[in-house]
PDB file of N, CA and C in Angstrom:
ATOM      1  N   MET A   1      -8.043 -15.349   5.760  1.00  0.00           N
ATOM      2  CA  MET A   1      -8.721 -14.067   5.836  1.00  0.00           C
ATOM      3  C   MET A   1      -7.728 -12.980   5.439  1.00  0.00           C
ATOM      4  N   SER A   2      -8.171 -12.040   4.614  1.00  0.00           N
ATOM      5  CA  SER A   2      -7.272 -11.003   4.134  1.00  0.00           C
ATOM      6  C   SER A   2      -7.021  -9.967   5.223  1.00  0.00           C
ATOM      7  N   ALA A   3      -5.884  -9.286   5.097  1.00  0.00           N
ATOM      8  CA  ALA A   3      -5.535  -8.233   6.053  1.00  0.00           C
ATOM      9  C   ALA A   3      -6.565  -7.115   6.025  1.00  0.00           C
ATOM     10  N   GLN A   4      -7.088  -6.794   4.834  1.00  0.00           N
ATOM     11  CA  GLN A   4      -8.082  -5.734   4.724  1.00  0.00           C
ATOM     12  C   GLN A   4      -9.359  -6.128   5.467  1.00  0.00           C
ATOM     13  N   PHE A   5      -9.790  -7.375   5.303  1.00  0.00           N
ATOM     14  CA  PHE A   5     -10.991  -7.829   5.984  1.00  0.00           C
ATOM     15  C   PHE A   5     -10.784  -7.816   7.496  1.00  0.00           C
ATOM     16  N   GLU A   6      -9.603  -8.216   7.955  1.00  0.00           N
ATOM     17  CA  GLU A   6      -9.312  -8.185   9.384  1.00  0.00           C
ATOM     18  C   GLU A   6      -9.385  -6.759   9.924  1.00  0.00           C
ATOM     19  N   LEU A   7      -8.908  -5.796   9.135  1.00  0.00           N
ATOM     20  CA  LEU A   7      -8.979  -4.393   9.540  1.00  0.00           C
ATOM     21  C   LEU A   7     -10.432  -3.964   9.700  1.00  0.00           C
ATOM     22  N   TYR A   8     -11.291  -4.339   8.754  1.00  0.00           N
ATOM     23  CA  TYR A   8     -12.706  -3.991   8.855  1.00  0.00           C
ATOM     24  C   TYR A   8     -13.336  -4.633  10.085  1.00  0.00           C
ATOM     25  N   GLU A   9     -12.975  -5.863  10.389  1.00  0.00           N
ATOM     26  CA  GLU A   9     -13.505  -6.519  11.583  1.00  0.00           C
ATOM     27  C   GLU A   9     -13.068  -5.793  12.848  1.00  0.00           C
ATOM     28  N   GLU A  10     -11.798  -5.368  12.895  1.00  0.00           N
ATOM     29  CA  GLU A  10     -11.309  -4.618  14.054  1.00  0.00           C
ATOM     30  C   GLU A  10     -12.059  -3.296  14.206  1.00  0.00           C
ATOM     31  N   MET A  11     -12.295  -2.613  13.091  1.00  0.00           N
ATOM     32  CA  MET A  11     -13.023  -1.350  13.141  1.00  0.00           C
ATOM     33  C   MET A  11     -14.462  -1.580  13.596  1.00  0.00           C
ATOM     34  N   ALA A  12     -15.074  -2.650  13.133  1.00  0.00           N
ATOM     35  CA  ALA A  12     -16.436  -2.978  13.547  1.00  0.00           C
ATOM     36  C   ALA A  12     -16.484  -3.235  15.044  1.00  0.00           C
ATOM     37  N   GLU A  13     -15.497  -3.923  15.566  1.00  0.00           N
ATOM     38  CA  GLU A  13     -15.426  -4.206  16.995  1.00  0.00           C
ATOM     39  C   GLU A  13     -15.299  -2.913  17.794  1.00  0.00           C
ATOM     40  N   ILE A  14     -14.466  -2.004  17.327  1.00  0.00           N
ATOM     41  CA  ILE A  14     -14.292  -0.718  18.007  1.00  0.00           C
ATOM     42  C   ILE A  14     -15.596   0.065  18.014  1.00  0.00           C
ATOM     43  N   LEU A  15     -16.271   0.113  16.871  1.00  0.00           N
ATOM     44  CA  LEU A  15     -17.555   0.813  16.789  1.00  0.00           C
ATOM     45  C   LEU A  15     -18.568   0.219  17.767  1.00  0.00           C
ATOM     46  N   ALA A  16     -18.655  -1.079  17.786  1.00  0.00           N
ATOM     47  CA  ALA A  16     -19.637  -1.747  18.639  1.00  0.00           C
ATOM     48  C   ALA A  16     -19.366  -1.483  20.112  1.00  0.00           C
ATOM     49  N   GLN A  17     -18.123  -1.395  20.496  1.00  0.00           N
ATOM     50  CA  GLN A  17     -17.776  -1.158  21.899  1.00  0.00           C
ATOM     51  C   GLN A  17     -18.037   0.280  22.326  1.00  0.00           C
ATOM     52  N   MET A  18     -17.986   1.207  21.381  1.00  0.00           N
ATOM     53  CA  MET A  18     -18.137   2.619  21.731  1.00  0.00           C
ATOM     54  C   MET A  18     -19.546   2.923  22.236  1.00  0.00           C
ATOM     55  N   ASP A  19     -20.552   2.609  21.496  1.00  0.00           N
ATOM     56  CA  ASP A  19     -21.948   2.817  21.902  1.00  0.00           C
ATOM     57  C   ASP A  19     -22.827   1.882  21.082  1.00  0.00           C
ATOM     58  N   PRO A  20     -23.057   0.684  21.580  1.00  0.00           N
ATOM     59  CA  PRO A  20     -23.779  -0.322  20.808  1.00  0.00           C
ATOM     60  C   PRO A  20     -25.159   0.127  20.339  1.00  0.00           C
ATOM     61  N   GLU A  21     -25.871   0.893  21.147  1.00  0.00           N
ATOM     62  CA  GLU A  21     -27.207   1.315  20.744  1.00  0.00           C
ATOM     63  C   GLU A  21     -27.153   2.256  19.543  1.00  0.00           C
ATOM     64  N   LYS A  22     -26.162   3.127  19.493  1.00  0.00           N
ATOM     65  CA  LYS A  22     -26.008   4.014  18.343  1.00  0.00           C
ATOM     66  C   LYS A  22     -25.587   3.227  17.107  1.00  0.00           C
ATOM     67  N   VAL A  23     -24.743   2.243  17.295  1.00  0.00           N
ATOM     68  CA  VAL A  23     -24.298   1.424  16.165  1.00  0.00           C
ATOM     69  C   VAL A  23     -25.491   0.726  15.531  1.00  0.00           C
ATOM     70  N   LEU A  24     -26.408   0.252  16.344  1.00  0.00           N
ATOM     71  CA  LEU A  24     -27.586  -0.442  15.816  1.00  0.00           C
ATOM     72  C   LEU A  24     -28.485   0.485  15.004  1.00  0.00           C
ATOM     73  N   ARG A  25     -28.381   1.784  15.223  1.00  0.00           N
ATOM     74  CA  ARG A  25     -29.195   2.740  14.463  1.00  0.00           C
ATOM     75  C   ARG A  25     -28.496   3.258  13.210  1.00  0.00           C
ATOM     76  N   LEU A  26     -27.256   2.836  12.970  1.00  0.00           N
ATOM     77  CA  LEU A  26     -26.534   3.297  11.790  1.00  0.00           C
ATOM     78  C   LEU A  26     -27.213   2.825  10.515  1.00  0.00           C
ATOM     79  N   LYS A  27     -27.303   3.728   9.543  1.00  0.00           N
ATOM     80  CA  LYS A  27     -27.780   3.339   8.220  1.00  0.00           C
ATOM     81  C   LYS A  27     -27.315   4.390   7.222  1.00  0.00           C
ATOM     82  N   ALA A  28     -27.260   3.992   5.995  1.00  0.00           N
ATOM     83  CA  ALA A  28     -26.807   4.890   4.937  1.00  0.00           C
ATOM     84  C   ALA A  28     -27.832   5.991   4.698  1.00  0.00           C
ATOM     85  N   SER A  29     -27.331   7.125   4.247  1.00  0.00           N
ATOM     86  CA  SER A  29     -28.225   8.224   3.902  1.00  0.00           C
ATOM     87  C   SER A  29     -29.049   7.815   2.673  1.00  0.00           C
ATOM     88  N   PRO A  30     -30.189   8.462   2.465  1.00  0.00           N
ATOM     89  CA  PRO A  30     -30.975   8.149   1.266  1.00  0.00           C
ATOM     90  C   PRO A  30     -30.170   8.334  -0.023  1.00  0.00           C
ATOM     91  N   ALA A  31     -29.352   9.379  -0.088  1.00  0.00           N
ATOM     92  CA  ALA A  31     -28.538   9.612  -1.293  1.00  0.00           C
ATOM     93  C   ALA A  31     -27.537   8.480  -1.496  1.00  0.00           C
ATOM     94  N   ARG A  32     -26.906   8.012  -0.422  1.00  0.00           N
ATOM     95  CA  ARG A  32     -25.933   6.924  -0.520  1.00  0.00           C
ATOM     96  C   ARG A  32     -26.633   5.632  -0.919  1.00  0.00           C
ATOM     97  N   SER A  33     -27.816   5.394  -0.380  1.00  0.00           N
ATOM     98  CA  SER A  33     -28.576   4.187  -0.747  1.00  0.00           C
ATOM     99  C   SER A  33     -28.964   4.207  -2.222  1.00  0.00           C
ATOM    100  N   ARG A  34     -29.388   5.384  -2.703  1.00  0.00           N
ATOM    101  CA  ARG A  34     -29.733   5.502  -4.126  1.00  0.00           C
ATOM    102  C   ARG A  34     -28.512   5.251  -5.004  1.00  0.00           C
ATOM    103  N   ARG A  35     -27.356   5.782  -4.599  1.00  0.00           N
ATOM    104  CA  ARG A  35     -26.128   5.588  -5.382  1.00  0.00           C
ATOM    105  C   ARG A  35     -25.767   4.109  -5.420  1.00  0.00           C
ATOM    106  N   LEU A  36     -25.870   3.420  -4.301  1.00  0.00           N
ATOM    107  CA  LEU A  36     -25.570   1.989  -4.258  1.00  0.00           C
ATOM    108  C   LEU A  36     -26.496   1.227  -5.201  1.00  0.00           C
ATOM    109  N   GLU A  37     -27.779   1.526  -5.142  1.00  0.00           N
ATOM    110  CA  GLU A  37     -28.736   0.854  -6.028  1.00  0.00           C
ATOM    111  C   GLU A  37     -28.432   1.139  -7.495  1.00  0.00           C
ATOM    112  N   ALA A  38     -28.060   2.388  -7.802  1.00  0.00           N
ATOM    113  CA  ALA A  38     -27.726   2.751  -9.188  1.00  0.00           C
ATOM    114  C   ALA A  38     -26.510   1.963  -9.677  1.00  0.00           C
ATOM    115  N   LEU A  39     -25.492   1.853  -8.826  1.00  0.00           N
ATOM    116  CA  LEU A  39     -24.300   1.096  -9.218  1.00  0.00           C
ATOM    117  C   LEU A  39     -24.616  -0.383  -9.412  1.00  0.00           C
ATOM    118  N   LEU A  40     -25.407  -0.938  -8.519  1.00  0.00           N
ATOM    119  CA  LEU A  40     -25.773  -2.351  -8.640  1.00  0.00           C
ATOM    120  C   LEU A  40     -26.577  -2.604  -9.905  1.00  0.00           C
ATOM    121  N   GLU A  41     -27.509  -1.707 -10.204  1.00  0.00           N
ATOM    122  CA  GLU A  41     -28.325  -1.866 -11.411  1.00  0.00           C
ATOM    123  C   GLU A  41     -27.465  -1.725 -12.673  1.00  0.00           C
ATOM    124  N   LYS A  42     -26.598  -0.720 -12.689  1.00  0.00           N
ATOM    125  CA  LYS A  42     -25.727  -0.537 -13.852  1.00  0.00           C
ATOM    126  C   LYS A  42     -24.820  -1.743 -14.036  1.00  0.00           C
ATOM    127  N   ASN A  43     -24.339  -2.287 -12.933  1.00  0.00           N
ATOM    128  CA  ASN A  43     -23.463  -3.457 -13.000  1.00  0.00           C
ATOM    129  C   ASN A  43     -24.197  -4.642 -13.621  1.00  0.00           C
ATOM    130  N   ARG A  44     -25.463  -4.826 -13.256  1.00  0.00           N
ATOM    131  CA  ARG A  44     -26.266  -5.924 -13.815  1.00  0.00           C
ATOM    132  C   ARG A  44     -26.548  -5.710 -15.302  1.00  0.00           C
ATOM    133  N   GLU A  45     -26.824  -4.465 -15.659  1.00  0.00           N
ATOM    134  CA  GLU A  45     -27.266  -4.183 -17.031  1.00  0.00           C
ATOM    135  C   GLU A  45     -26.128  -4.089 -18.045  1.00  0.00           C
ATOM    136  N   LYS A  46     -25.112  -3.293 -17.745  1.00  0.00           N
ATOM    137  CA  LYS A  46     -24.064  -3.084 -18.749  1.00  0.00           C
ATOM    138  C   LYS A  46     -22.652  -3.078 -18.206  1.00  0.00           C
ATOM    139  N   GLY A  47     -22.496  -3.236 -16.915  1.00  0.00           N
ATOM    140  CA  GLY A  47     -21.161  -3.266 -16.348  1.00  0.00           C
ATOM    141  C   GLY A  47     -20.699  -1.892 -15.881  1.00  0.00           C
ATOM    142  N   LEU A  48     -19.651  -1.899 -15.081  1.00  0.00           N
ATOM    143  CA  LEU A  48     -19.118  -0.686 -14.480  1.00  0.00           C
ATOM    144  C   LEU A  48     -17.723  -0.400 -15.010  1.00  0.00           C
ATOM    145  N   ASN A  49     -17.332   0.879 -14.991  1.00  0.00           N
ATOM    146  CA  ASN A  49     -15.946   1.212 -15.322  1.00  0.00           C
ATOM    147  C   ASN A  49     -15.092   1.018 -14.064  1.00  0.00           C
ATOM    148  N   GLU A  50     -13.794   1.190 -14.186  1.00  0.00           N
ATOM    149  CA  GLU A  50     -12.886   0.915 -13.061  1.00  0.00           C
ATOM    150  C   GLU A  50     -13.201   1.764 -11.836  1.00  0.00           C
ATOM    151  N   ASP A  51     -13.496   3.050 -12.041  1.00  0.00           N
ATOM    152  CA  ASP A  51     -13.810   3.921 -10.906  1.00  0.00           C
ATOM    153  C   ASP A  51     -15.085   3.484 -10.200  1.00  0.00           C
ATOM    154  N   GLU A  52     -16.073   3.098 -10.970  1.00  0.00           N
ATOM    155  CA  GLU A  52     -17.335   2.648 -10.391  1.00  0.00           C
ATOM    156  C   GLU A  52     -17.166   1.324  -9.651  1.00  0.00           C
ATOM    157  N   ILE A  53     -16.346   0.449 -10.195  1.00  0.00           N
ATOM    158  CA  ILE A  53     -16.062  -0.826  -9.515  1.00  0.00           C
ATOM    159  C   ILE A  53     -15.418  -0.554  -8.163  1.00  0.00           C
ATOM    160  N   ALA A  54     -14.446   0.353  -8.141  1.00  0.00           N
ATOM    161  CA  ALA A  54     -13.761   0.695  -6.890  1.00  0.00           C
ATOM    162  C   ALA A  54     -14.744   1.321  -5.897  1.00  0.00           C
ATOM    163  N   GLU A  55     -15.607   2.204  -6.391  1.00  0.00           N
ATOM    164  CA  GLU A  55     -16.606   2.833  -5.527  1.00  0.00           C
ATOM    165  C   GLU A  55     -17.559   1.795  -4.949  1.00  0.00           C
ATOM    166  N   LEU A  56     -18.035   0.894  -5.787  1.00  0.00           N
ATOM    167  CA  LEU A  56     -18.940  -0.153  -5.329  1.00  0.00           C
ATOM    168  C   LEU A  56     -18.251  -1.059  -4.314  1.00  0.00           C
ATOM    169  N   ASP A  57     -17.011  -1.423  -4.579  1.00  0.00           N
ATOM    170  CA  ASP A  57     -16.261  -2.253  -3.628  1.00  0.00           C
ATOM    171  C   ASP A  57     -16.157  -1.576  -2.260  1.00  0.00           C
ATOM    172  N   ARG A  58     -15.847  -0.279  -2.263  1.00  0.00           N
ATOM    173  CA  ARG A  58     -15.737   0.455  -0.985  1.00  0.00           C
ATOM    174  C   ARG A  58     -17.075   0.484  -0.259  1.00  0.00           C
ATOM    175  N   MET A  59     -18.137   0.728  -1.020  1.00  0.00           N
ATOM    176  CA  MET A  59     -19.459   0.777  -0.396  1.00  0.00           C
ATOM    177  C   MET A  59     -19.854  -0.571   0.197  1.00  0.00           C
ATOM    178  N   LEU A  60     -19.559  -1.639  -0.524  1.00  0.00           N
ATOM    179  CA  LEU A  60     -19.905  -2.972  -0.034  1.00  0.00           C
ATOM    180  C   LEU A  60     -19.080  -3.350   1.191  1.00  0.00           C
ATOM    181  N   MET A  61     -17.804  -2.970   1.207  1.00  0.00           N
ATOM    182  CA  MET A  61     -16.973  -3.254   2.380  1.00  0.00           C
ATOM    183  C   MET A  61     -17.441  -2.447   3.584  1.00  0.00           C
ATOM    184  N   LEU A  62     -17.834  -1.200   3.351  1.00  0.00           N
ATOM    185  CA  LEU A  62     -18.360  -0.388   4.444  1.00  0.00           C
ATOM    186  C   LEU A  62     -19.653  -0.991   4.975  1.00  0.00           C
ATOM    187  N   ASN A  63     -20.528  -1.435   4.080  1.00  0.00           N
ATOM    188  CA  ASN A  63     -21.753  -2.107   4.515  1.00  0.00           C
ATOM    189  C   ASN A  63     -21.439  -3.357   5.325  1.00  0.00           C
ATOM    190  N   ARG A  64     -20.433  -4.093   4.890  1.00  0.00           N
ATOM    191  CA  ARG A  64     -20.025  -5.303   5.620  1.00  0.00           C
ATOM    192  C   ARG A  64     -19.508  -4.943   7.009  1.00  0.00           C
ATOM    193  N   MET A  65     -18.685  -3.891   7.075  1.00  0.00           N
ATOM    194  CA  MET A  65     -18.136  -3.467   8.355  1.00  0.00           C
ATOM    195  C   MET A  65     -19.249  -3.038   9.303  1.00  0.00           C
ATOM    196  N   ILE A  66     -20.207  -2.270   8.794  1.00  0.00           N
ATOM    197  CA  ILE A  66     -21.310  -1.826   9.635  1.00  0.00           C
ATOM    198  C   ILE A  66     -22.164  -3.016  10.066  1.00  0.00           C
ATOM    199  N   GLY A  67     -22.362  -3.967   9.165  1.00  0.00           N
ATOM    200  CA  GLY A  67     -23.094  -5.177   9.531  1.00  0.00           C
ATOM    201  C   GLY A  67     -22.398  -5.950  10.638  1.00  0.00           C
ATOM    202  N   LEU A  68     -21.076  -6.073  10.536  1.00  0.00           N
ATOM    203  CA  LEU A  68     -20.312  -6.741  11.593  1.00  0.00           C
ATOM    204  C   LEU A  68     -20.409  -5.971  12.906  1.00  0.00           C
ATOM    205  N   ALA A  69     -20.329  -4.643  12.823  1.00  0.00           N
ATOM    206  CA  ALA A  69     -20.434  -3.818  14.026  1.00  0.00           C
ATOM    207  C   ALA A  69     -21.801  -3.989  14.677  1.00  0.00           C
ATOM    208  N   LYS A  70     -22.846  -4.060  13.858  1.00  0.00           N
ATOM    209  CA  LYS A  70     -24.189  -4.243  14.402  1.00  0.00           C
ATOM    210  C   LYS A  70     -24.344  -5.609  15.068  1.00  0.00           C
ATOM    211  N   MET A  71     -23.783  -6.631  14.447  1.00  0.00           N
ATOM    212  CA  MET A  71     -23.828  -7.967  15.059  1.00  0.00           C
ATOM    213  C   MET A  71     -23.120  -7.953  16.412  1.00  0.00           C
ATOM    214  N   ARG A  72     -21.950  -7.341  16.448  1.00  0.00           N
ATOM    215  CA  ARG A  72     -21.178  -7.282  17.688  1.00  0.00           C
ATOM    216  C   ARG A  72     -21.900  -6.424  18.729  1.00  0.00           C
ATOM    217  N   ALA A  73     -22.509  -5.323  18.288  1.00  0.00           N
ATOM    218  CA  ALA A  73     -23.244  -4.459  19.210  1.00  0.00           C
ATOM    219  C   ALA A  73     -24.391  -5.226  19.867  1.00  0.00           C
ATOM    220  N   LYS A  74     -25.091  -6.050  19.093  1.00  0.00           N
ATOM    221  CA  LYS A  74     -26.166  -6.875  19.652  1.00  0.00           C
ATOM    222  C   LYS A  74     -25.616  -7.830  20.702  1.00  0.00           C
ATOM    223  N   GLN A  75     -24.457  -8.420  20.413  1.00  0.00           N
ATOM    224  CA  GLN A  75     -23.833  -9.320  21.386  1.00  0.00           C
ATOM    225  C   GLN A  75     -23.480  -8.574  22.669  1.00  0.00           C
ATOM    226  N   VAL A  76     -22.909  -7.378  22.524  1.00  0.00           N
ATOM    227  CA  VAL A  76     -22.525  -6.586  23.694  1.00  0.00           C
ATOM    228  C   VAL A  76     -23.760  -6.251  24.525  1.00  0.00           C
ATOM    229  N   LEU A  77     -24.830  -5.826  23.873  1.00  0.00           N
ATOM    230  CA  LEU A  77     -26.055  -5.498  24.612  1.00  0.00           C
ATOM    231  C   LEU A  77     -26.638  -6.730  25.297  1.00  0.00           C
ATOM    232  N   ASN A  78     -26.624  -7.878  24.620  1.00  0.00           N
ATOM    233  CA  ASN A  78     -27.128  -9.113  25.240  1.00  0.00           C
ATOM    234  C   ASN A  78     -26.274  -9.519  26.434  1.00  0.00           C
ATOM    235  N   GLU A  79     -24.956  -9.396  26.299  1.00  0.00           N
ATOM    236  CA  GLU A  79     -24.063  -9.725  27.422  1.00  0.00           C
ATOM    237  C   GLU A  79     -24.304  -8.791  28.593  1.00  0.00           C
ATOM    238  N   THR A  80     -24.552  -7.523  28.295  1.00  0.00           N
ATOM    239  CA  THR A  80     -24.821  -6.553  29.354  1.00  0.00           C
ATOM    240  C   THR A  80     -26.110  -6.900  30.076  1.00  0.00           C
ATOM    241  N   LYS A  81     -27.140  -7.267  29.313  1.00  0.00           N
ATOM    242  CA  LYS A  81     -28.419  -7.650  29.917  1.00  0.00           C
ATOM    243  C   LYS A  81     -28.259  -8.897  30.788  1.00  0.00           C
ATOM    244  N   GLU A  82     -27.483  -9.867  30.294  1.00  0.00           N
ATOM    245  CA  GLU A  82     -27.290 -11.115  31.034  1.00  0.00           C
ATOM    246  C   GLU A  82     -26.514 -10.884  32.323  1.00  0.00           C
ATOM    247  N   ASN A  83     -25.632  -9.908  32.342  1.00  0.00           N
ATOM    248  CA  ASN A  83     -24.793  -9.651  33.514  1.00  0.00           C
ATOM    249  C   ASN A  83     -25.376  -8.593  34.444  1.00  0.00           C
ATOM    250  N   THR A  84     -26.547  -8.050  34.113  1.00  0.00           N
ATOM    251  CA  THR A  84     -27.189  -7.057  34.958  1.00  0.00           C
ATOM    252  C   THR A  84     -28.145  -7.767  35.884  1.00  0.00           C
ATOM    253  N   PRO A  85     -27.925  -7.620  37.208  1.00  0.00           N
ATOM    254  CA  PRO A  85     -28.818  -8.289  38.150  1.00  0.00           C
ATOM    255  C   PRO A  85     -30.226  -7.701  38.073  1.00  0.00           C
ATOM    256  N   ILE A  86     -31.201  -8.573  38.205  1.00  0.00           N
ATOM    257  CA  ILE A  86     -32.602  -8.155  38.204  1.00  0.00           C
ATOM    258  C   ILE A  86     -32.950  -7.745  39.622  1.00  0.00           C
ATOM    259  N   THR A  87     -33.465  -6.545  39.750  1.00  0.00           N
ATOM    260  CA  THR A  87     -33.862  -6.068  41.081  1.00  0.00           C
ATOM    261  C   THR A  87     -35.376  -5.925  41.111  1.00  0.00           C
ATOM    262  N   GLN A  88     -35.928  -6.217  42.288  1.00  0.00           N
ATOM    263  CA  GLN A  88     -37.370  -6.073  42.454  1.00  0.00           C
ATOM    264  C   GLN A  88     -37.644  -4.697  43.033  1.00  0.00           C
ATOM    265  N   GLU A  89     -38.736  -4.131  42.570  1.00  0.00           N
ATOM    266  CA  GLU A  89     -39.141  -2.845  43.133  1.00  0.00           C
ATOM    267  C   GLU A  89     -39.661  -3.074  44.540  1.00  0.00           C
ATOM    268  N   SER A  90     -39.407  -2.097  45.416  1.00  0.00           N
ATOM    269  CA  SER A  90     -39.888  -2.251  46.776  1.00  0.00           C
ATOM    270  C   SER A  90     -41.406  -2.186  46.803  1.00  0.00           C
ATOM    271  N   GLY A  91     -41.994  -2.928  47.672  1.00  0.00           N
ATOM    272  CA  GLY A  91     -43.439  -2.957  47.807  1.00  0.00           C
ATOM    273  C   GLY A  91     -44.094  -4.069  47.001  1.00  0.00           C
ATOM    274  N   ARG A  92     -43.338  -4.867  46.344  1.00  0.00           N
ATOM    275  CA  ARG A  92     -43.908  -5.979  45.567  1.00  0.00           C
ATOM    276  C   ARG A  92     -43.672  -7.268  46.276  1.00  0.00           C
TER     277      ARG A  92
END
């Protein structure tokens, strides 16, 4: 595993621990999503220049990091649910 990938995993873990519910709601802005789609389409059709390749790489790594954070956030929420005692309401 590369050092860069390990850094992204560590950042994803930190994000997930901070507020898992907010992490699960993270998503790219419409403008960022359109830019990603444009780069992917251009890459398929005619290729990208060096700057565009670097931009696409950064976007894909950020998406990967957020995906890892979301996976970890789900685990944290599930662990919290499993460790929370179930209480009965009085009168039942």
